[in-house]
Amino acid sequence: MFAAAPPLAVGDCPHEDMVALVTALVTALAARTGAPVATLLHTFGEDLLVRFTAVHAPMFERFPNFFDLVAAIDGHITSRCACCTERPRCRASR
Protein backbone atom coordinates (compact mmCIF):
# COMPACT_ATOMS: atom_id res chain seq x y z
CA MET A 1 0.00 0.00 0.00
CA PHE A 2 2.78 2.46 0.95
CA ALA A 3 6.31 2.53 -0.45
CA ALA A 4 9.17 1.69 1.87
CA ALA A 5 10.76 4.77 3.35
CA PRO A 6 13.50 5.57 5.85
CA PRO A 7 12.42 5.94 9.50
CA LEU A 8 10.68 9.22 10.28
CA ALA A 9 10.97 11.56 13.21
CA VAL A 10 8.60 14.29 14.29
CA GLY A 11 8.96 17.14 11.83
CA ASP A 12 10.03 14.95 8.90
CA CYS A 13 6.68 15.14 7.15
CA PRO A 14 3.66 17.43 7.12
CA HIS A 15 0.94 16.82 9.71
CA GLU A 16 -1.55 16.36 6.87
CA ASP A 17 0.45 13.40 5.54
CA MET A 18 0.40 11.68 8.92
CA VAL A 19 -3.35 12.25 9.22
CA ALA A 20 -3.85 10.80 5.72
CA LEU A 21 -1.75 7.74 6.60
CA VAL A 22 -3.61 7.09 9.86
CA THR A 23 -6.95 7.66 8.12
CA ALA A 24 -6.07 5.13 5.40
CA LEU A 25 -4.88 2.55 7.93
CA VAL A 26 -7.85 2.95 10.25
CA THR A 27 -10.32 2.94 7.36
CA ALA A 28 -8.80 -0.32 6.06
CA LEU A 29 -8.90 -1.85 9.55
CA ALA A 30 -12.52 -0.77 10.01
CA ALA A 31 -13.46 -2.35 6.68
CA ARG A 32 -11.70 -5.57 7.65
CA THR A 33 -13.05 -5.85 11.20
CA GLY A 34 -16.40 -4.11 10.94
CA ALA A 35 -15.50 -1.91 13.92
CA PRO A 36 -16.40 1.79 13.64
CA VAL A 37 -13.49 4.13 12.81
CA ALA A 38 -14.25 6.26 15.90
CA THR A 39 -14.01 3.20 18.15
CA LEU A 40 -10.70 2.12 16.63
CA LEU A 41 -9.19 5.60 17.01
CA HIS A 42 -10.42 5.92 20.60
CA THR A 43 -9.10 2.48 21.54
CA PHE A 44 -5.72 3.15 19.93
CA GLY A 45 -5.37 6.55 21.60
CA GLU A 46 -6.37 5.16 24.98
CA ASP A 47 -3.89 2.27 24.72
CA LEU A 48 -1.11 4.55 23.52
CA LEU A 49 -1.63 6.97 26.39
CA VAL A 50 -1.60 4.13 28.95
CA ARG A 51 1.67 2.83 27.48
CA PHE A 52 3.26 6.28 27.37
CA THR A 53 2.34 7.01 30.99
CA ALA A 54 3.80 3.66 32.08
CA VAL A 55 7.05 4.06 30.16
CA HIS A 56 7.52 7.81 30.68
CA ALA A 57 5.85 8.39 34.04
CA PRO A 58 8.30 11.08 35.26
CA MET A 59 7.60 13.17 32.18
CA PHE A 60 3.83 12.99 32.75
CA GLU A 61 4.18 13.96 36.41
CA ARG A 62 5.68 17.34 35.46
CA PHE A 63 2.52 18.58 33.72
CA PRO A 64 -0.95 19.23 35.16
CA ASN A 65 -2.73 17.81 32.10
CA PHE A 66 -2.12 16.05 28.80
CA PHE A 67 -2.54 19.19 26.68
CA ASP A 68 0.24 20.98 28.58
CA LEU A 69 2.47 17.94 28.03
CA VAL A 70 1.80 17.92 24.27
CA ALA A 71 2.45 21.66 24.05
CA ALA A 72 5.77 21.24 25.88
CA ILE A 73 6.83 18.36 23.64
CA ASP A 74 5.96 20.36 20.54
CA GLY A 75 7.89 23.35 21.83
CA HIS A 76 10.89 21.18 22.69
CA ILE A 77 10.96 19.50 19.27
CA THR A 78 10.53 22.79 17.44
CA SER A 79 13.30 24.47 19.44
CA ARG A 80 15.73 21.61 18.73
CA CYS A 81 15.02 21.43 15.00
CA ALA A 82 16.98 24.13 13.18
CA CYS A 83 14.92 23.74 10.04
CA CYS A 84 11.74 24.69 11.95
CA THR A 85 13.08 28.17 12.54
CA GLU A 86 14.07 28.50 8.90
CA ARG A 87 11.04 26.98 7.18
CA PRO A 88 7.36 27.10 8.05
CA ARG A 89 6.88 23.34 7.61
CA CYS A 90 10.23 21.92 8.70
CA ARG A 91 11.77 19.31 6.41
CA ALA A 92 8.52 18.94 4.51
CA SER A 93 9.16 22.19 2.68
CA ARG A 94 12.47 20.97 1.20
C-alpha atoms as a PDB file:
ATOM      1  CA  MET A   1       0.000   0.000   0.000  1.00  0.00           C
ATOM      2  CA  PHE A   2       2.779   2.462   0.948  1.00  0.00           C
ATOM      3  CA  ALA A   3       6.307   2.531  -0.451  1.00  0.00           C
ATOM      4  CA  ALA A   4       9.171   1.686   1.874  1.00  0.00           C
ATOM      5  CA  ALA A   5      10.761   4.773   3.355  1.00  0.00           C
ATOM      6  CA  PRO A   6      13.502   5.571   5.851  1.00  0.00           C
ATOM      7  CA  PRO A   7      12.417   5.943   9.501  1.00  0.00           C
ATOM      8  CA  LEU A   8      10.681   9.216  10.281  1.00  0.00           C
ATOM      9  CA  ALA A   9      10.969  11.562  13.210  1.00  0.00           C
ATOM     10  CA  VAL A  10       8.605  14.293  14.287  1.00  0.00           C
ATOM     11  CA  GLY A  11       8.963  17.144  11.826  1.00  0.00           C
ATOM     12  CA  ASP A  12      10.026  14.948   8.903  1.00  0.00           C
ATOM     13  CA  CYS A  13       6.682  15.143   7.154  1.00  0.00           C
ATOM     14  CA  PRO A  14       3.664  17.430   7.119  1.00  0.00           C
ATOM     15  CA  HIS A  15       0.942  16.824   9.711  1.00  0.00           C
ATOM     16  CA  GLU A  16      -1.554  16.361   6.873  1.00  0.00           C
ATOM     17  CA  ASP A  17       0.451  13.402   5.537  1.00  0.00           C
ATOM     18  CA  MET A  18       0.401  11.681   8.917  1.00  0.00           C
ATOM     19  CA  VAL A  19      -3.353  12.253   9.218  1.00  0.00           C
ATOM     20  CA  ALA A  20      -3.848  10.805   5.719  1.00  0.00           C
ATOM     21  CA  LEU A  21      -1.754   7.739   6.601  1.00  0.00           C
ATOM     22  CA  VAL A  22      -3.606   7.094   9.860  1.00  0.00           C
ATOM     23  CA  THR A  23      -6.946   7.661   8.121  1.00  0.00           C
ATOM     24  CA  ALA A  24      -6.069   5.133   5.402  1.00  0.00           C
ATOM     25  CA  LEU A  25      -4.883   2.546   7.927  1.00  0.00           C
ATOM     26  CA  VAL A  26      -7.849   2.954  10.249  1.00  0.00           C
ATOM     27  CA  THR A  27     -10.321   2.941   7.364  1.00  0.00           C
ATOM     28  CA  ALA A  28      -8.804  -0.319   6.064  1.00  0.00           C
ATOM     29  CA  LEU A  29      -8.901  -1.852   9.545  1.00  0.00           C
ATOM     30  CA  ALA A  30     -12.518  -0.773  10.013  1.00  0.00           C
ATOM     31  CA  ALA A  31     -13.464  -2.351   6.683  1.00  0.00           C
ATOM     32  CA  ARG A  32     -11.705  -5.569   7.649  1.00  0.00           C
ATOM     33  CA  THR A  33     -13.049  -5.847  11.197  1.00  0.00           C
ATOM     34  CA  GLY A  34     -16.404  -4.109  10.942  1.00  0.00           C
ATOM     35  CA  ALA A  35     -15.500  -1.914  13.919  1.00  0.00           C
ATOM     36  CA  PRO A  36     -16.396   1.787  13.637  1.00  0.00           C
ATOM     37  CA  VAL A  37     -13.490   4.127  12.809  1.00  0.00           C
ATOM     38  CA  ALA A  38     -14.245   6.261  15.896  1.00  0.00           C
ATOM     39  CA  THR A  39     -14.006   3.197  18.154  1.00  0.00           C
ATOM     40  CA  LEU A  40     -10.700   2.118  16.628  1.00  0.00           C
ATOM     41  CA  LEU A  41      -9.194   5.596  17.011  1.00  0.00           C
ATOM     42  CA  HIS A  42     -10.422   5.921  20.595  1.00  0.00           C
ATOM     43  CA  THR A  43      -9.098   2.483  21.539  1.00  0.00           C
ATOM     44  CA  PHE A  44      -5.716   3.154  19.927  1.00  0.00           C
ATOM     45  CA  GLY A  45      -5.370   6.553  21.602  1.00  0.00           C
ATOM     46  CA  GLU A  46      -6.372   5.164  24.975  1.00  0.00           C
ATOM     47  CA  ASP A  47      -3.893   2.275  24.718  1.00  0.00           C
ATOM     48  CA  LEU A  48      -1.108   4.550  23.515  1.00  0.00           C
ATOM     49  CA  LEU A  49      -1.629   6.974  26.394  1.00  0.00           C
ATOM     50  CA  VAL A  50      -1.604   4.135  28.947  1.00  0.00           C
ATOM     51  CA  ARG A  51       1.669   2.834  27.476  1.00  0.00           C
ATOM     52  CA  PHE A  52       3.260   6.280  27.374  1.00  0.00           C
ATOM     53  CA  THR A  53       2.338   7.008  30.987  1.00  0.00           C
ATOM     54  CA  ALA A  54       3.797   3.661  32.082  1.00  0.00           C
ATOM     55  CA  VAL A  55       7.053   4.060  30.163  1.00  0.00           C
ATOM     56  CA  HIS A  56       7.517   7.805  30.675  1.00  0.00           C
ATOM     57  CA  ALA A  57       5.852   8.388  34.041  1.00  0.00           C
ATOM     58  CA  PRO A  58       8.304  11.077  35.259  1.00  0.00           C
ATOM     59  CA  MET A  59       7.596  13.169  32.183  1.00  0.00           C
ATOM     60  CA  PHE A  60       3.830  12.986  32.748  1.00  0.00           C
ATOM     61  CA  GLU A  61       4.183  13.958  36.412  1.00  0.00           C
ATOM     62  CA  ARG A  62       5.683  17.342  35.458  1.00  0.00           C
ATOM     63  CA  PHE A  63       2.518  18.580  33.719  1.00  0.00           C
ATOM     64  CA  PRO A  64      -0.950  19.232  35.161  1.00  0.00           C
ATOM     65  CA  ASN A  65      -2.725  17.809  32.097  1.00  0.00           C
ATOM     66  CA  PHE A  66      -2.122  16.047  28.804  1.00  0.00           C
ATOM     67  CA  PHE A  67      -2.540  19.187  26.685  1.00  0.00           C
ATOM     68  CA  ASP A  68       0.241  20.982  28.578  1.00  0.00           C
ATOM     69  CA  LEU A  69       2.473  17.942  28.034  1.00  0.00           C
ATOM     70  CA  VAL A  70       1.803  17.916  24.275  1.00  0.00           C
ATOM     71  CA  ALA A  71       2.454  21.664  24.053  1.00  0.00           C
ATOM     72  CA  ALA A  72       5.773  21.238  25.885  1.00  0.00           C
ATOM     73  CA  ILE A  73       6.834  18.358  23.637  1.00  0.00           C
ATOM     74  CA  ASP A  74       5.955  20.356  20.539  1.00  0.00           C
ATOM     75  CA  GLY A  75       7.891  23.350  21.829  1.00  0.00           C
ATOM     76  CA  HIS A  76      10.892  21.179  22.686  1.00  0.00           C
ATOM     77  CA  ILE A  77      10.957  19.499  19.273  1.00  0.00           C
ATOM     78  CA  THR A  78      10.535  22.788  17.436  1.00  0.00           C
ATOM     79  CA  SER A  79      13.299  24.471  19.440  1.00  0.00           C
ATOM     80  CA  ARG A  80      15.733  21.609  18.729  1.00  0.00           C
ATOM     81  CA  CYS A  81      15.016  21.427  14.999  1.00  0.00           C
ATOM     82  CA  ALA A  82      16.984  24.130  13.182  1.00  0.00           C
ATOM     83  CA  CYS A  83      14.917  23.745  10.043  1.00  0.00           C
ATOM     84  CA  CYS A  84      11.738  24.689  11.954  1.00  0.00           C
ATOM     85  CA  THR A  85      13.083  28.167  12.541  1.00  0.00           C
ATOM     86  CA  GLU A  86      14.071  28.498   8.900  1.00  0.00           C
ATOM     87  CA  ARG A  87      11.044  26.978   7.181  1.00  0.00           C
ATOM     88  CA  PRO A  88       7.356  27.099   8.051  1.00  0.00           C
ATOM     89  CA  ARG A  89       6.877  23.340   7.614  1.00  0.00           C
ATOM     90  CA  CYS A  90      10.234  21.919   8.702  1.00  0.00           C
ATOM     91  CA  ARG A  91      11.774  19.308   6.405  1.00  0.00           C
ATOM     92  CA  ALA A  92       8.516  18.943   4.511  1.00  0.00           C
ATOM     93  CA  SER A  93       9.162  22.194   2.683  1.00  0.00           C
ATOM     94  CA  ARG A  94      12.471  20.972   1.197  1.00  0.00           C
END
